[in-house]
Amino acid sequence: MATVRLAVPSEGNGGLDGVRSGHFGHCAVFTCVDIEDGKIGSVRIVQNGEHAEGGCMVPVQKLAQEGVNAIVVGGIGMRPLMGFQQAGIAVYYDADQPQVRPVVEAFAAGSLPLISEQQTCKGSGHCHH
């Protein structure tokens, strides 16, 4: 099985023991985790880009450059969802877990669904599911 590089939008310094960010475009960092055969491997922290210029497409491009091929979000707008899909980054959904580690473990176990277009935010900037 190929290694998946998963990104989880995170607050502060991120990391497996960190807190998830509610908005990937405005998060401080991404906790990026390599997962192979359901096992958590190396973890790295990737600083988010400036959201003001380019909006939510800035993190899409940054994560694509970092080799990320999956991200878990609690909400996302249609434009960045399409951007992730065009970049070959699968977008998974989890709005329940406030910490990074349980999200990574759920993803590694294969229990998180892909986000659907019906779950996208409608442009208010504050998406709550």
C-alpha atoms as a PDB file:
ATOM      1  CA  MET A   1       0.000   0.000   0.000  1.00  0.00           C
ATOM      2  CA  ALA A   2       1.195   3.489  -0.790  1.00  0.00           C
ATOM      3  CA  THR A   3       1.923   5.952   1.944  1.00  0.00           C
ATOM      4  CA  VAL A   4      -0.713   8.626   2.458  1.00  0.00           C
ATOM      5  CA  ARG A   5       0.383  12.043   3.633  1.00  0.00           C
ATOM      6  CA  LEU A   6      -2.501  13.403   5.680  1.00  0.00           C
ATOM      7  CA  ALA A   7      -2.900  17.053   6.705  1.00  0.00           C
ATOM      8  CA  VAL A   8      -4.943  18.144   9.714  1.00  0.00           C
ATOM      9  CA  PRO A   9      -5.489  21.910  10.180  1.00  0.00           C
ATOM     10  CA  SER A  10      -4.133  22.709  13.644  1.00  0.00           C
ATOM     11  CA  GLU A  11      -3.909  25.499  16.208  1.00  0.00           C
ATOM     12  CA  GLY A  12      -0.705  26.786  17.796  1.00  0.00           C
ATOM     13  CA  ASN A  13       2.277  24.502  17.231  1.00  0.00           C
ATOM     14  CA  GLY A  14       0.164  21.577  15.977  1.00  0.00           C
ATOM     15  CA  GLY A  15       1.371  18.002  16.335  1.00  0.00           C
ATOM     16  CA  LEU A  16      -0.428  14.787  17.221  1.00  0.00           C
ATOM     17  CA  ASP A  17      -1.231  16.096  20.700  1.00  0.00           C
ATOM     18  CA  GLY A  18      -2.407  19.432  19.323  1.00  0.00           C
ATOM     19  CA  VAL A  19      -5.826  20.986  18.868  1.00  0.00           C
ATOM     20  CA  ARG A  20      -7.582  21.027  15.521  1.00  0.00           C
ATOM     21  CA  SER A  21      -8.407  24.285  13.815  1.00  0.00           C
ATOM     22  CA  GLY A  22     -12.003  24.931  12.836  1.00  0.00           C
ATOM     23  CA  HIS A  23     -11.027  26.634   9.571  1.00  0.00           C
ATOM     24  CA  PHE A  24      -8.246  25.215   7.422  1.00  0.00           C
ATOM     25  CA  GLY A  25      -7.709  28.488   5.567  1.00  0.00           C
ATOM     26  CA  HIS A  26      -7.016  30.405   8.780  1.00  0.00           C
ATOM     27  CA  CYS A  27      -5.222  27.694  10.781  1.00  0.00           C
ATOM     28  CA  ALA A  28      -1.755  28.425  12.145  1.00  0.00           C
ATOM     29  CA  VAL A  29      -0.204  25.178  10.924  1.00  0.00           C
ATOM     30  CA  PHE A  30      -0.994  21.825   9.374  1.00  0.00           C
ATOM     31  CA  THR A  31      -0.032  18.666  11.208  1.00  0.00           C
ATOM     32  CA  CYS A  32       1.104  16.402   8.360  1.00  0.00           C
ATOM     33  CA  VAL A  33       1.292  12.696   9.081  1.00  0.00           C
ATOM     34  CA  ASP A  34       2.536   9.883   6.875  1.00  0.00           C
ATOM     35  CA  ILE A  35       0.317   6.806   7.198  1.00  0.00           C
ATOM     36  CA  GLU A  36       1.208   3.435   5.695  1.00  0.00           C
ATOM     37  CA  ASP A  37      -0.868   0.281   6.059  1.00  0.00           C
ATOM     38  CA  GLY A  38      -2.946   1.909   8.802  1.00  0.00           C
ATOM     39  CA  LYS A  39       0.127   2.810  10.861  1.00  0.00           C
ATOM     40  CA  ILE A  40       1.071   6.342  11.862  1.00  0.00           C
ATOM     41  CA  GLY A  41       4.571   7.239  10.707  1.00  0.00           C
ATOM     42  CA  SER A  42       6.493  10.476  10.578  1.00  0.00           C
ATOM     43  CA  VAL A  43       4.883  13.741  11.652  1.00  0.00           C
ATOM     44  CA  ARG A  44       5.849  17.183  10.416  1.00  0.00           C
ATOM     45  CA  ILE A  45       4.442  20.634  10.937  1.00  0.00           C
ATOM     46  CA  VAL A  46       3.809  22.847   7.905  1.00  0.00           C
ATOM     47  CA  GLN A  47       3.186  26.549   8.411  1.00  0.00           C
ATOM     48  CA  ASN A  48       0.064  27.879   6.717  1.00  0.00           C
ATOM     49  CA  GLY A  49       0.428  30.598   4.104  1.00  0.00           C
ATOM     50  CA  GLU A  50      -1.099  34.048   4.330  1.00  0.00           C
ATOM     51  CA  HIS A  51      -4.848  33.697   3.781  1.00  0.00           C
ATOM     52  CA  ALA A  52      -5.420  37.300   2.652  1.00  0.00           C
ATOM     53  CA  GLU A  53      -3.714  36.922  -0.735  1.00  0.00           C
ATOM     54  CA  GLY A  54      -5.330  34.143  -2.731  1.00  0.00           C
ATOM     55  CA  GLY A  55      -7.837  33.191  -0.035  1.00  0.00           C
ATOM     56  CA  CYS A  56      -8.399  29.513   0.657  1.00  0.00           C
ATOM     57  CA  MET A  57      -6.453  28.482  -2.441  1.00  0.00           C
ATOM     58  CA  VAL A  58      -3.160  29.382  -0.719  1.00  0.00           C
ATOM     59  CA  PRO A  59      -3.246  26.347   1.604  1.00  0.00           C
ATOM     60  CA  VAL A  60      -4.389  24.121  -1.277  1.00  0.00           C
ATOM     61  CA  GLN A  61      -1.289  25.028  -3.264  1.00  0.00           C
ATOM     62  CA  LYS A  62       1.007  24.829  -0.228  1.00  0.00           C
ATOM     63  CA  LEU A  63      -0.213  21.362   0.775  1.00  0.00           C
ATOM     64  CA  ALA A  64       0.063  20.099  -2.810  1.00  0.00           C
ATOM     65  CA  GLN A  65       3.708  21.286  -2.839  1.00  0.00           C
ATOM     66  CA  GLU A  66       4.278  19.385   0.428  1.00  0.00           C
ATOM     67  CA  GLY A  67       3.104  16.120  -1.150  1.00  0.00           C
ATOM     68  CA  VAL A  68      -0.122  15.939   0.857  1.00  0.00           C
ATOM     69  CA  ASN A  69      -2.738  13.681  -0.734  1.00  0.00           C
ATOM     70  CA  ALA A  70      -5.464  13.769   1.960  1.00  0.00           C
ATOM     71  CA  ILE A  71      -6.854  16.331   4.403  1.00  0.00           C
ATOM     72  CA  VAL A  72      -9.476  16.098   7.149  1.00  0.00           C
ATOM     73  CA  VAL A  73     -11.718  19.124   7.646  1.00  0.00           C
ATOM     74  CA  GLY A  74     -14.772  19.964   9.719  1.00  0.00           C
ATOM     75  CA  GLY A  75     -16.065  22.245   6.980  1.00  0.00           C
ATOM     76  CA  ILE A  76     -14.983  23.635   3.625  1.00  0.00           C
ATOM     77  CA  GLY A  77     -16.303  25.872   0.867  1.00  0.00           C
ATOM     78  CA  MET A  78     -16.968  24.632  -2.647  1.00  0.00           C
ATOM     79  CA  ARG A  79     -14.096  26.578  -4.237  1.00  0.00           C
ATOM     80  CA  PRO A  80     -11.324  25.153  -2.024  1.00  0.00           C
ATOM     81  CA  LEU A  81     -12.946  21.690  -2.196  1.00  0.00           C
ATOM     82  CA  MET A  82     -12.689  21.839  -5.974  1.00  0.00           C
ATOM     83  CA  GLY A  83      -9.120  23.134  -5.662  1.00  0.00           C
ATOM     84  CA  PHE A  84      -8.128  20.204  -3.447  1.00  0.00           C
ATOM     85  CA  GLN A  85      -9.778  17.755  -5.833  1.00  0.00           C
ATOM     86  CA  GLN A  86      -7.973  19.294  -8.821  1.00  0.00           C
ATOM     87  CA  ALA A  87      -4.675  19.035  -6.913  1.00  0.00           C
ATOM     88  CA  GLY A  88      -5.307  15.329  -6.244  1.00  0.00           C
ATOM     89  CA  ILE A  89      -5.896  15.833  -2.512  1.00  0.00           C
ATOM     90  CA  ALA A  90      -8.829  13.836  -1.133  1.00  0.00           C
ATOM     91  CA  VAL A  91     -10.943  15.747   1.409  1.00  0.00           C
ATOM     92  CA  TYR A  92     -12.296  13.770   4.376  1.00  0.00           C
ATOM     93  CA  TYR A  93     -14.835  14.924   6.935  1.00  0.00           C
ATOM     94  CA  ASP A  94     -14.778  14.923  10.731  1.00  0.00           C
ATOM     95  CA  ALA A  95     -16.424  17.682  12.734  1.00  0.00           C
ATOM     96  CA  ASP A  96     -16.534  15.842  16.050  1.00  0.00           C
ATOM     97  CA  GLN A  97     -12.981  15.359  17.331  1.00  0.00           C
ATOM     98  CA  PRO A  98     -11.350  18.498  18.802  1.00  0.00           C
ATOM     99  CA  GLN A  99      -7.852  16.941  19.027  1.00  0.00           C
ATOM    100  CA  VAL A 100      -5.513  15.986  16.182  1.00  0.00           C
ATOM    101  CA  ARG A 101      -4.551  12.452  17.309  1.00  0.00           C
ATOM    102  CA  PRO A 102      -8.088  10.914  17.317  1.00  0.00           C
ATOM    103  CA  VAL A 103      -8.672  12.316  13.825  1.00  0.00           C
ATOM    104  CA  VAL A 104      -5.428  10.803  12.536  1.00  0.00           C
ATOM    105  CA  GLU A 105      -6.250   7.480  14.199  1.00  0.00           C
ATOM    106  CA  ALA A 106      -9.767   7.459  12.691  1.00  0.00           C
ATOM    107  CA  PHE A 107      -8.331   8.225   9.261  1.00  0.00           C
ATOM    108  CA  ALA A 108      -5.680   5.507   9.613  1.00  0.00           C
ATOM    109  CA  ALA A 109      -8.421   3.036  10.583  1.00  0.00           C
ATOM    110  CA  GLY A 110     -10.389   3.974   7.448  1.00  0.00           C
ATOM    111  CA  SER A 111     -13.409   5.231   9.357  1.00  0.00           C
ATOM    112  CA  LEU A 112     -13.683   8.793   8.023  1.00  0.00           C
ATOM    113  CA  PRO A 113     -15.887   9.549   5.009  1.00  0.00           C
ATOM    114  CA  LEU A 114     -14.995  11.717   2.057  1.00  0.00           C
ATOM    115  CA  ILE A 115     -16.770  15.053   2.350  1.00  0.00           C
ATOM    116  CA  SER A 116     -19.730  15.481   0.014  1.00  0.00           C
ATOM    117  CA  GLU A 117     -20.644  18.607  -1.920  1.00  0.00           C
ATOM    118  CA  GLN A 118     -23.818  18.831   0.199  1.00  0.00           C
ATOM    119  CA  GLN A 119     -21.620  19.360   3.290  1.00  0.00           C
ATOM    120  CA  THR A 120     -19.802  22.380   1.883  1.00  0.00           C
ATOM    121  CA  CYS A 121     -20.084  25.815   3.445  1.00  0.00           C
ATOM    122  CA  LYS A 122     -22.225  28.280   1.566  1.00  0.00           C
ATOM    123  CA  GLY A 123     -19.938  31.305   1.652  1.00  0.00           C
ATOM    124  CA  SER A 124     -20.736  32.836   5.028  1.00  0.00           C
ATOM    125  CA  GLY A 125     -17.186  32.244   6.152  1.00  0.00           C
ATOM    126  CA  HIS A 126     -18.433  30.538   9.302  1.00  0.00           C
ATOM    127  CA  CYS A 127     -19.326  26.966   8.581  1.00  0.00           C
ATOM    128  CA  HIS A 128     -20.953  24.942  11.327  1.00  0.00           C
ATOM    129  CA  HIS A 129     -22.061  21.357  10.842  1.00  0.00           C
END
